C-alpha atoms as a PDB file:
ATOM      1  CA  MET A   1       0.034   0.016  -0.073  1.00  0.00           C
ATOM      2  CA  VAL A   2       1.171   3.330  -0.985  1.00  0.00           C
ATOM      3  CA  CYS A   3       0.231   6.368   1.010  1.00  0.00           C
ATOM      4  CA  PRO A   4       0.207   9.995  -0.728  1.00  0.00           C
ATOM      5  CA  ASN A   5       3.226  11.356   1.527  1.00  0.00           C
ATOM      6  CA  TRP A   6       5.004   7.912   1.762  1.00  0.00           C
ATOM      7  CA  LEU A   7       6.960   5.837  -0.449  1.00  0.00           C
ATOM      8  CA  VAL A   8       6.954   1.851   0.240  1.00  0.00           C
ATOM      9  CA  SER A   9      10.284   0.236  -0.864  1.00  0.00           C
ATOM     10  CA  PRO A  10       9.778  -3.651  -2.292  1.00  0.00           C
ATOM     11  CA  SER A  11      11.441  -4.514   1.275  1.00  0.00           C
ATOM     12  CA  GLY A  12       7.803  -3.089   2.889  1.00  0.00           C
ATOM     13  CA  ARG A  13       9.904  -0.105   4.640  1.00  0.00           C
ATOM     14  CA  ARG A  14       8.155   3.361   4.305  1.00  0.00           C
ATOM     15  CA  ARG A  15       9.983   6.435   3.943  1.00  0.00           C
ATOM     16  CA  ARG A  16       8.866   9.838   3.796  1.00  0.00           C
ATOM     17  CA  ARG A  17       8.467  11.291   0.053  1.00  0.00           C
ATOM     18  CA  TRP A  18       9.214  15.225  -0.528  1.00  0.00           C
ATOM     19  CA  PRO A  19       6.866  16.363  -3.401  1.00  0.00           C
ATOM     20  CA  TRP A  20       8.608  17.673  -6.520  1.00  0.00           C
ATOM     21  CA  GLY A  21       9.179  21.579  -6.152  1.00  0.00           C
ATOM     22  CA  SER A  22       8.884  21.658  -2.251  1.00  0.00           C
ATOM     23  CA  THR A  23      11.730  23.181  -0.097  1.00  0.00           C
ATOM     24  CA  LEU A  24      12.992  21.893   3.030  1.00  0.00           C
ATOM     25  CA  GLN A  25      13.985  24.850   5.279  1.00  0.00           C
ATOM     26  CA  LEU A  26      16.717  24.097   7.706  1.00  0.00           C
ATOM     27  CA  GLY A  27      16.734  26.075  10.830  1.00  0.00           C
ATOM     28  CA  THR A  28      12.972  27.262  10.997  1.00  0.00           C
ATOM     29  CA  PRO A  29      10.014  25.643  12.554  1.00  0.00           C
ATOM     30  CA  ALA A  30       7.251  24.496  10.002  1.00  0.00           C
ATOM     31  CA  GLY A  31       4.651  27.451   9.881  1.00  0.00           C
ATOM     32  CA  ASP A  32       6.793  29.954  11.411  1.00  0.00           C
ATOM     33  CA  ALA A  33       6.810  32.920   9.021  1.00  0.00           C
ATOM     34  CA  GLU A  34       8.815  35.192  10.997  1.00  0.00           C
ATOM     35  CA  ALA A  35      11.773  32.312  11.534  1.00  0.00           C
ATOM     36  CA  ALA A  36      11.798  31.909   7.877  1.00  0.00           C
ATOM     37  CA  THR A  37      13.616  35.573   7.265  1.00  0.00           C
ATOM     38  CA  PRO A  38      17.336  35.522   6.307  1.00  0.00           C
ATOM     39  CA  SER A  39      18.018  36.247  10.019  1.00  0.00           C
ATOM     40  CA  ALA A  40      16.831  33.155  11.551  1.00  0.00           C
ATOM     41  CA  THR A  41      18.857  31.416  14.065  1.00  0.00           C
ATOM     42  CA  ASN A  42      21.080  28.531  12.830  1.00  0.00           C
ATOM     43  CA  ARG A  43      19.013  25.269  14.164  1.00  0.00           C
ATOM     44  CA  LEU A  44      20.914  22.717  12.243  1.00  0.00           C
ATOM     45  CA  SER A  45      23.682  21.275  14.398  1.00  0.00           C
ATOM     46  CA  LEU A  46      26.211  19.205  12.587  1.00  0.00           C
ATOM     47  CA  SER A  47      29.501  17.798  13.939  1.00  0.00           C
ATOM     48  CA  GLU A  48      33.034  18.969  12.599  1.00  0.00           C
ATOM     49  CA  VAL A  49      33.460  15.220  11.211  1.00  0.00           C
ATOM     50  CA  GLU A  50      29.817  15.348   9.608  1.00  0.00           C
ATOM     51  CA  VAL A  51      30.413  18.412   7.473  1.00  0.00           C
ATOM     52  CA  ARG A  52      34.224  17.402   6.695  1.00  0.00           C
ATOM     53  CA  THR A  53      32.636  14.089   5.461  1.00  0.00           C
ATOM     54  CA  LEU A  54      29.966  16.057   3.271  1.00  0.00           C
ATOM     55  CA  ARG A  55      32.238  18.455   1.860  1.00  0.00           C
ATOM     56  CA  LYS A  56      34.680  15.439   1.008  1.00  0.00           C
ATOM     57  CA  ALA A  57      31.628  13.502  -0.429  1.00  0.00           C
ATOM     58  CA  ILE A  58      31.502  16.513  -2.892  1.00  0.00           C
ATOM     59  CA  GLY A  59      35.307  17.061  -3.248  1.00  0.00           C
ATOM     60  CA  ARG A  60      37.506  16.643  -6.471  1.00  0.00           C
ATOM     61  CA  GLU A  61      39.500  14.048  -4.831  1.00  0.00           C
ATOM     62  CA  THR A  62      36.387  11.595  -4.433  1.00  0.00           C
ATOM     63  CA  PHE A  63      35.274  12.331  -7.893  1.00  0.00           C
ATOM     64  CA  ASP A  64      38.352  11.755  -9.336  1.00  0.00           C
ATOM     65  CA  HIS A  65      38.773   8.492  -7.638  1.00  0.00           C
ATOM     66  CA  TRP A  66      35.368   7.346  -8.587  1.00  0.00           C
ATOM     67  CA  GLY A  67      35.478   8.584 -12.187  1.00  0.00           C
ATOM     68  CA  TRP A  68      32.616  10.781 -11.441  1.00  0.00           C
ATOM     69  CA  HIS A  69      31.585  14.352 -12.936  1.00  0.00           C
ATOM     70  CA  ALA A  70      28.781  16.599 -12.243  1.00  0.00           C
ATOM     71  CA  ASP A  71      26.416  18.234 -14.715  1.00  0.00           C
ATOM     72  CA  ASP A  72      24.582  21.429 -14.861  1.00  0.00           C
ATOM     73  CA  THR A  73      21.462  20.047 -12.547  1.00  0.00           C
ATOM     74  CA  GLY A  74      23.546  19.118  -9.631  1.00  0.00           C
ATOM     75  CA  ARG A  75      23.679  15.339 -10.739  1.00  0.00           C
ATOM     76  CA  VAL A  76      26.680  13.031 -10.206  1.00  0.00           C
ATOM     77  CA  LEU A  77      27.368  10.771 -13.240  1.00  0.00           C
ATOM     78  CA  SER A  78      29.612   8.004 -13.586  1.00  0.00           C
ATOM     79  CA  GLU A  79      32.451   7.608 -16.334  1.00  0.00           C
ATOM     80  CA  THR A  80      29.907   6.283 -18.337  1.00  0.00           C
ATOM     81  CA  GLY A  81      27.422   8.901 -17.745  1.00  0.00           C
ATOM     82  CA  GLN A  82      25.339   6.636 -15.518  1.00  0.00           C
ATOM     83  CA  PRO A  83      23.473   8.923 -12.927  1.00  0.00           C
ATOM     84  CA  VAL A  84      24.947   8.049  -9.402  1.00  0.00           C
ATOM     85  CA  PHE A  85      23.027  10.817  -7.464  1.00  0.00           C
ATOM     86  CA  GLY A  86      20.067  12.492  -9.040  1.00  0.00           C
ATOM     87  CA  PRO A  87      19.522  16.179  -9.759  1.00  0.00           C
ATOM     88  CA  GLY A  88      20.034  18.574  -6.992  1.00  0.00           C
ATOM     89  CA  PHE A  89      22.552  16.393  -4.998  1.00  0.00           C
ATOM     90  CA  ILE A  90      25.408  18.421  -5.455  1.00  0.00           C
ATOM     91  CA  THR A  91      23.758  21.902  -4.821  1.00  0.00           C
ATOM     92  CA  ALA A  92      21.981  20.362  -1.950  1.00  0.00           C
ATOM     93  CA  LEU A  93      25.336  19.343  -0.109  1.00  0.00           C
ATOM     94  CA  LYS A  94      27.070  22.563  -0.713  1.00  0.00           C
ATOM     95  CA  LYS A  95      23.910  24.393   0.584  1.00  0.00           C
ATOM     96  CA  VAL A  96      24.174  22.384   3.994  1.00  0.00           C
ATOM     97  CA  VAL A  97      27.673  22.848   4.484  1.00  0.00           C
ATOM     98  CA  GLU A  98      27.440  26.749   3.725  1.00  0.00           C
ATOM     99  CA  PHE A  99      24.439  26.762   6.144  1.00  0.00           C
ATOM    100  CA  VAL A 100      26.174  25.184   8.725  1.00  0.00           C
ATOM    101  CA  GLU A 101      29.427  26.916   8.385  1.00  0.00           C
ATOM    102  CA  LYS A 102      27.810  30.339   8.707  1.00  0.00           C
END
């Protein structure tokens, strides 16, 4: 059974589905318009190791090692052009790293 806001994997595990075009705002309570301003308090907390790992995931060394490259949509592609990560992957990780490093 597939519920509108959930995806169900073949193993039966449910996971939250984000509708296309929706935006996940980090650091703002849902529905809090005032907190959604650029002066919102940074509420996302990642350790130094987590941030370093995210940076490394999209770093030149990792891409060279695996033979990956990025396209204009933020996808990561293999040497043969097969998608490794979908559109927005690179841009999303860059935004998260920039957000927590403020």
